[in-house]
Amino acid sequence: LILSWGIRSDNYSDFGSQLSPRLALLFHWNPYNTLKLIYSEAFRAPSASELYSSSPVSQGNPDLKPEKLKNYELIWLQQIDNRQLQLSLFQSYWNDGIVSNIRIVNDFRYENAEKNKAYGVTLASKWEYSVWETALSGSWVDSKNENINVDYGAFPDYLFSAMVGYRSSALNSSIY
């Protein structure tokens, strides 16, 4: 059983200080399988364009507040020789998510989206053979604005990816 922890400190002149902890508990039940239980918090200050942009299609909002997130994850990881399989379950809560809300056709303004929740699952596999690597992953996410019980729209419901890569020892890099 391994306990891992860390803390990040952000200090913004216009948003103040924020501490974001991360705590992980790892259990290796045999040489090939590991369970991870992770709790983390995050902080994201609005970007300059979200605060002050002015274009024909989007307007900044100088009254935006930073996003604050709490995340819980349960991960099963299996590594056998040149193969890896990972199953992740997660649940996230965040306050004041920064979104672009449509006001009139083709006119967006950045706003804070109060209380939000997302949960989902990801399954990923990776296989290495000689200089070749392949990776497949798929995920499902459900995200909602809890204040008005509407899909938040921050994530696609389903996401799939497939990659093939080549490792070059001469270049000390991989190409995907």
C-alpha atoms as a PDB file:
ATOM      1  CA  LEU A   1       0.000   0.000   0.000  1.00  0.00           C
ATOM      2  CA  ILE A   2       1.487   3.344  -1.078  1.00  0.00           C
ATOM      3  CA  LEU A   3       0.245   6.810  -0.162  1.00  0.00           C
ATOM      4  CA  SER A   4       1.240   9.626  -2.496  1.00  0.00           C
ATOM      5  CA  TRP A   5       0.343  13.265  -2.021  1.00  0.00           C
ATOM      6  CA  GLY A   6       1.111  16.688  -3.345  1.00  0.00           C
ATOM      7  CA  ILE A   7      -0.079  20.248  -3.279  1.00  0.00           C
ATOM      8  CA  ARG A   8      -0.039  23.012  -5.851  1.00  0.00           C
ATOM      9  CA  SER A   9      -0.115  26.681  -4.967  1.00  0.00           C
ATOM     10  CA  ASP A  10      -1.412  29.314  -7.387  1.00  0.00           C
ATOM     11  CA  ASN A  11      -1.143  33.012  -6.673  1.00  0.00           C
ATOM     12  CA  TYR A  12      -2.835  35.544  -8.954  1.00  0.00           C
ATOM     13  CA  SER A  13      -2.760  39.281  -8.338  1.00  0.00           C
ATOM     14  CA  ASP A  14      -6.389  39.569  -9.473  1.00  0.00           C
ATOM     15  CA  PHE A  15      -7.799  36.285  -8.038  1.00  0.00           C
ATOM     16  CA  GLY A  16      -5.719  35.690  -4.913  1.00  0.00           C
ATOM     17  CA  SER A  17      -4.113  32.449  -3.707  1.00  0.00           C
ATOM     18  CA  GLN A  18      -5.421  28.931  -4.126  1.00  0.00           C
ATOM     19  CA  LEU A  19      -4.075  25.608  -2.802  1.00  0.00           C
ATOM     20  CA  SER A  20      -4.945  22.468  -4.800  1.00  0.00           C
ATOM     21  CA  PRO A  21      -4.200  19.149  -3.035  1.00  0.00           C
ATOM     22  CA  ARG A  22      -3.841  15.699  -4.605  1.00  0.00           C
ATOM     23  CA  LEU A  23      -3.953  12.452  -2.647  1.00  0.00           C
ATOM     24  CA  ALA A  24      -3.516   8.957  -4.098  1.00  0.00           C
ATOM     25  CA  LEU A  25      -3.647   5.523  -2.536  1.00  0.00           C
ATOM     26  CA  LEU A  26      -2.049   2.713  -4.586  1.00  0.00           C
ATOM     27  CA  PHE A  27      -2.463  -0.983  -3.938  1.00  0.00           C
ATOM     28  CA  HIS A  28      -0.331  -3.494  -5.919  1.00  0.00           C
ATOM     29  CA  TRP A  29      -2.190  -6.761  -5.357  1.00  0.00           C
ATOM     30  CA  ASN A  30       0.269  -8.676  -7.553  1.00  0.00           C
ATOM     31  CA  PRO A  31       3.137  -7.803  -9.932  1.00  0.00           C
ATOM     32  CA  TYR A  32       0.697  -7.167 -12.797  1.00  0.00           C
ATOM     33  CA  ASN A  33      -2.296  -5.395 -11.228  1.00  0.00           C
ATOM     34  CA  THR A  34      -2.617  -2.090  -9.391  1.00  0.00           C
ATOM     35  CA  LEU A  35      -5.596  -0.252  -7.949  1.00  0.00           C
ATOM     36  CA  LYS A  36      -5.463   3.529  -7.532  1.00  0.00           C
ATOM     37  CA  LEU A  37      -7.844   5.688  -5.548  1.00  0.00           C
ATOM     38  CA  ILE A  38      -7.268   9.389  -6.229  1.00  0.00           C
ATOM     39  CA  TYR A  39      -8.713  12.617  -4.844  1.00  0.00           C
ATOM     40  CA  SER A  40      -7.646  15.918  -6.364  1.00  0.00           C
ATOM     41  CA  GLU A  41      -8.639  19.556  -6.491  1.00  0.00           C
ATOM     42  CA  ALA A  42      -7.901  22.029  -9.270  1.00  0.00           C
ATOM     43  CA  PHE A  43      -8.151  25.750  -9.921  1.00  0.00           C
ATOM     44  CA  ARG A  44      -8.302  27.603 -13.240  1.00  0.00           C
ATOM     45  CA  ALA A  45      -8.282  31.357 -13.493  1.00  0.00           C
ATOM     46  CA  PRO A  46     -10.059  32.904 -16.489  1.00  0.00           C
ATOM     47  CA  SER A  47      -7.801  33.628 -19.467  1.00  0.00           C
ATOM     48  CA  ALA A  48      -7.261  37.162 -20.752  1.00  0.00           C
ATOM     49  CA  SER A  49      -9.497  36.472 -23.764  1.00  0.00           C
ATOM     50  CA  GLU A  50     -12.297  35.132 -21.515  1.00  0.00           C
ATOM     51  CA  LEU A  51     -12.070  38.294 -19.435  1.00  0.00           C
ATOM     52  CA  TYR A  52     -11.475  40.999 -22.030  1.00  0.00           C
ATOM     53  CA  SER A  53     -11.993  39.760 -25.608  1.00  0.00           C
ATOM     54  CA  SER A  54     -14.140  41.780 -27.929  1.00  0.00           C
ATOM     55  CA  SER A  55     -14.795  40.317 -31.330  1.00  0.00           C
ATOM     56  CA  PRO A  56     -17.767  40.145 -33.671  1.00  0.00           C
ATOM     57  CA  VAL A  57     -18.727  36.719 -32.266  1.00  0.00           C
ATOM     58  CA  SER A  58     -17.589  36.609 -28.622  1.00  0.00           C
ATOM     59  CA  GLN A  59     -17.424  38.999 -25.703  1.00  0.00           C
ATOM     60  CA  GLY A  60     -15.215  38.754 -22.632  1.00  0.00           C
ATOM     61  CA  ASN A  61     -16.578  39.159 -19.134  1.00  0.00           C
ATOM     62  CA  PRO A  62     -14.421  41.004 -16.565  1.00  0.00           C
ATOM     63  CA  ASP A  63     -16.691  39.688 -13.756  1.00  0.00           C
ATOM     64  CA  LEU A  64     -15.704  36.025 -14.273  1.00  0.00           C
ATOM     65  CA  LYS A  65     -14.629  33.991 -11.257  1.00  0.00           C
ATOM     66  CA  PRO A  66     -12.063  31.150 -11.334  1.00  0.00           C
ATOM     67  CA  GLU A  67     -13.196  27.554 -11.800  1.00  0.00           C
ATOM     68  CA  LYS A  68     -12.719  25.238  -8.804  1.00  0.00           C
ATOM     69  CA  LEU A  69     -12.851  21.466  -9.252  1.00  0.00           C
ATOM     70  CA  LYS A  70     -12.931  18.376  -6.990  1.00  0.00           C
ATOM     71  CA  ASN A  71     -12.260  15.035  -8.630  1.00  0.00           C
ATOM     72  CA  TYR A  72     -12.506  11.396  -7.472  1.00  0.00           C
ATOM     73  CA  GLU A  73     -11.018   8.506  -9.489  1.00  0.00           C
ATOM     74  CA  LEU A  74     -10.813   4.746  -9.139  1.00  0.00           C
ATOM     75  CA  ILE A  75      -8.338   3.164 -11.575  1.00  0.00           C
ATOM     76  CA  TRP A  76      -7.441  -0.466 -12.264  1.00  0.00           C
ATOM     77  CA  LEU A  77      -4.177  -0.870 -14.175  1.00  0.00           C
ATOM     78  CA  GLN A  78      -2.824  -4.144 -15.551  1.00  0.00           C
ATOM     79  CA  GLN A  79       0.662  -4.394 -17.077  1.00  0.00           C
ATOM     80  CA  ILE A  80       1.860  -7.697 -18.486  1.00  0.00           C
ATOM     81  CA  ASP A  81       5.025  -7.719 -20.575  1.00  0.00           C
ATOM     82  CA  ASN A  82       4.375  -5.372 -23.498  1.00  0.00           C
ATOM     83  CA  ARG A  83       0.633  -4.884 -22.884  1.00  0.00           C
ATOM     84  CA  GLN A  84      -1.222  -2.442 -20.679  1.00  0.00           C
ATOM     85  CA  LEU A  85      -4.933  -2.241 -19.851  1.00  0.00           C
ATOM     86  CA  GLN A  86      -6.554   0.494 -17.765  1.00  0.00           C
ATOM     87  CA  LEU A  87     -10.118   0.987 -16.543  1.00  0.00           C
ATOM     88  CA  SER A  88     -10.938   4.340 -14.897  1.00  0.00           C
ATOM     89  CA  LEU A  89     -14.097   5.489 -13.141  1.00  0.00           C
ATOM     90  CA  PHE A  90     -14.350   9.159 -12.215  1.00  0.00           C
ATOM     91  CA  GLN A  91     -16.643  11.760 -10.744  1.00  0.00           C
ATOM     92  CA  SER A  92     -15.967  15.495 -10.821  1.00  0.00           C
ATOM     93  CA  TYR A  93     -17.670  18.459  -9.211  1.00  0.00           C
ATOM     94  CA  TRP A  94     -16.801  21.995 -10.169  1.00  0.00           C
ATOM     95  CA  ASN A  95     -18.077  25.427  -9.296  1.00  0.00           C
ATOM     96  CA  ASP A  96     -18.121  28.455 -11.573  1.00  0.00           C
ATOM     97  CA  GLY A  97     -17.192  26.565 -14.747  1.00  0.00           C
ATOM     98  CA  ILE A  98     -16.333  29.061 -17.479  1.00  0.00           C
ATOM     99  CA  VAL A  99     -18.568  28.610 -20.533  1.00  0.00           C
ATOM    100  CA  SER A 100     -19.519  30.658 -23.566  1.00  0.00           C
ATOM    101  CA  ASN A 101     -23.259  31.310 -23.518  1.00  0.00           C
ATOM    102  CA  ILE A 102     -25.094  32.398 -26.622  1.00  0.00           C
ATOM    103  CA  ARG A 103     -26.978  35.683 -26.175  1.00  0.00           C
ATOM    104  CA  ILE A 104     -28.196  36.162 -29.726  1.00  0.00           C
ATOM    105  CA  VAL A 105     -27.308  34.353 -32.954  1.00  0.00           C
ATOM    106  CA  ASN A 106     -23.507  34.370 -33.397  1.00  0.00           C
ATOM    107  CA  ASP A 107     -22.942  36.406 -30.208  1.00  0.00           C
ATOM    108  CA  PHE A 108     -21.319  34.608 -27.263  1.00  0.00           C
ATOM    109  CA  ARG A 109     -20.348  35.915 -23.821  1.00  0.00           C
ATOM    110  CA  TYR A 110     -18.212  34.043 -21.298  1.00  0.00           C
ATOM    111  CA  GLU A 111     -20.044  33.327 -18.035  1.00  0.00           C
ATOM    112  CA  ASN A 112     -19.670  31.208 -14.900  1.00  0.00           C
ATOM    113  CA  ALA A 113     -21.892  28.113 -14.862  1.00  0.00           C
ATOM    114  CA  GLU A 114     -22.295  27.757 -11.074  1.00  0.00           C
ATOM    115  CA  LYS A 115     -22.484  24.087  -9.897  1.00  0.00           C
ATOM    116  CA  ASN A 116     -21.542  21.287 -12.308  1.00  0.00           C
ATOM    117  CA  LYS A 117     -21.055  17.540 -12.106  1.00  0.00           C
ATOM    118  CA  ALA A 118     -19.544  14.959 -14.442  1.00  0.00           C
ATOM    119  CA  TYR A 119     -19.008  11.236 -14.119  1.00  0.00           C
ATOM    120  CA  GLY A 120     -17.833   8.592 -16.494  1.00  0.00           C
ATOM    121  CA  VAL A 121     -15.666   5.647 -17.401  1.00  0.00           C
ATOM    122  CA  THR A 122     -12.619   5.195 -19.620  1.00  0.00           C
ATOM    123  CA  LEU A 123     -11.148   1.958 -20.961  1.00  0.00           C
ATOM    124  CA  ALA A 124      -7.705   2.117 -22.577  1.00  0.00           C
ATOM    125  CA  SER A 125      -5.222  -0.428 -23.877  1.00  0.00           C
ATOM    126  CA  LYS A 126      -1.688  -0.160 -25.175  1.00  0.00           C
ATOM    127  CA  TRP A 127       0.456  -2.771 -26.866  1.00  0.00           C
ATOM    128  CA  GLU A 128       4.117  -2.568 -27.844  1.00  0.00           C
ATOM    129  CA  TYR A 129       5.829  -4.846 -30.321  1.00  0.00           C
ATOM    130  CA  SER A 130       9.414  -4.239 -31.390  1.00  0.00           C
ATOM    131  CA  VAL A 131       9.447  -0.606 -32.601  1.00  0.00           C
ATOM    132  CA  TRP A 132       5.654  -0.392 -32.979  1.00  0.00           C
ATOM    133  CA  GLU A 133       3.036   0.819 -30.494  1.00  0.00           C
ATOM    134  CA  THR A 134      -0.741   0.682 -30.714  1.00  0.00           C
ATOM    135  CA  ALA A 135      -3.236   2.308 -28.388  1.00  0.00           C
ATOM    136  CA  LEU A 136      -7.022   2.118 -28.240  1.00  0.00           C
ATOM    137  CA  SER A 137      -9.300   3.963 -25.848  1.00  0.00           C
ATOM    138  CA  GLY A 138     -12.942   4.742 -25.343  1.00  0.00           C
ATOM    139  CA  SER A 139     -14.821   6.777 -22.785  1.00  0.00           C
ATOM    140  CA  TRP A 140     -18.315   7.768 -21.765  1.00  0.00           C
ATOM    141  CA  VAL A 141     -19.040  10.968 -19.818  1.00  0.00           C
ATOM    142  CA  ASP A 142     -22.243  12.451 -18.458  1.00  0.00           C
ATOM    143  CA  SER A 143     -21.951  16.109 -17.429  1.00  0.00           C
ATOM    144  CA  LYS A 144     -24.642  18.412 -16.070  1.00  0.00           C
ATOM    145  CA  ASN A 145     -25.151  21.906 -14.769  1.00  0.00           C
ATOM    146  CA  GLU A 146     -26.754  21.000 -11.431  1.00  0.00           C
ATOM    147  CA  ASN A 147     -28.468  24.375 -10.989  1.00  0.00           C
ATOM    148  CA  ILE A 148     -30.719  23.932 -14.008  1.00  0.00           C
ATOM    149  CA  ASN A 149     -30.292  20.160 -14.598  1.00  0.00           C
ATOM    150  CA  VAL A 150     -29.093  20.641 -18.189  1.00  0.00           C
ATOM    151  CA  ASP A 151     -26.293  18.841 -20.017  1.00  0.00           C
ATOM    152  CA  TYR A 152     -23.207  20.976 -19.516  1.00  0.00           C
ATOM    153  CA  GLY A 153     -21.915  20.272 -23.009  1.00  0.00           C
ATOM    154  CA  ALA A 154     -18.261  20.491 -21.928  1.00  0.00           C
ATOM    155  CA  PHE A 155     -17.483  16.933 -23.031  1.00  0.00           C
ATOM    156  CA  PRO A 156     -18.724  14.642 -25.790  1.00  0.00           C
ATOM    157  CA  ASP A 157     -20.843  11.775 -24.419  1.00  0.00           C
ATOM    158  CA  TYR A 158     -18.635   9.212 -26.158  1.00  0.00           C
ATOM    159  CA  LEU A 159     -15.040   9.509 -27.280  1.00  0.00           C
ATOM    160  CA  PHE A 160     -12.951   6.872 -29.039  1.00  0.00           C
ATOM    161  CA  SER A 161      -9.368   6.967 -30.271  1.00  0.00           C
ATOM    162  CA  ALA A 162      -6.924   4.661 -32.001  1.00  0.00           C
ATOM    163  CA  MET A 163      -3.222   5.317 -32.534  1.00  0.00           C
ATOM    164  CA  VAL A 164      -0.318   3.563 -34.166  1.00  0.00           C
ATOM    165  CA  GLY A 165       3.181   4.715 -33.353  1.00  0.00           C
ATOM    166  CA  TYR A 166       6.766   4.071 -34.293  1.00  0.00           C
ATOM    167  CA  ARG A 167       9.652   4.337 -31.799  1.00  0.00           C
ATOM    168  CA  SER A 168      12.970   5.456 -33.217  1.00  0.00           C
ATOM    169  CA  SER A 169      15.956   4.838 -30.972  1.00  0.00           C
ATOM    170  CA  ALA A 170      18.160   6.833 -33.384  1.00  0.00           C
ATOM    171  CA  LEU A 171      15.960   9.930 -32.842  1.00  0.00           C
ATOM    172  CA  ASN A 172      15.160   9.057 -29.208  1.00  0.00           C
ATOM    173  CA  SER A 173      11.461   9.725 -29.907  1.00  0.00           C
ATOM    174  CA  SER A 174       8.157   8.228 -30.938  1.00  0.00           C
ATOM    175  CA  ILE A 175       6.040   9.180 -33.943  1.00  0.00           C
ATOM    176  CA  TYR A 176       2.230   8.750 -33.884  1.00  0.00           C
END
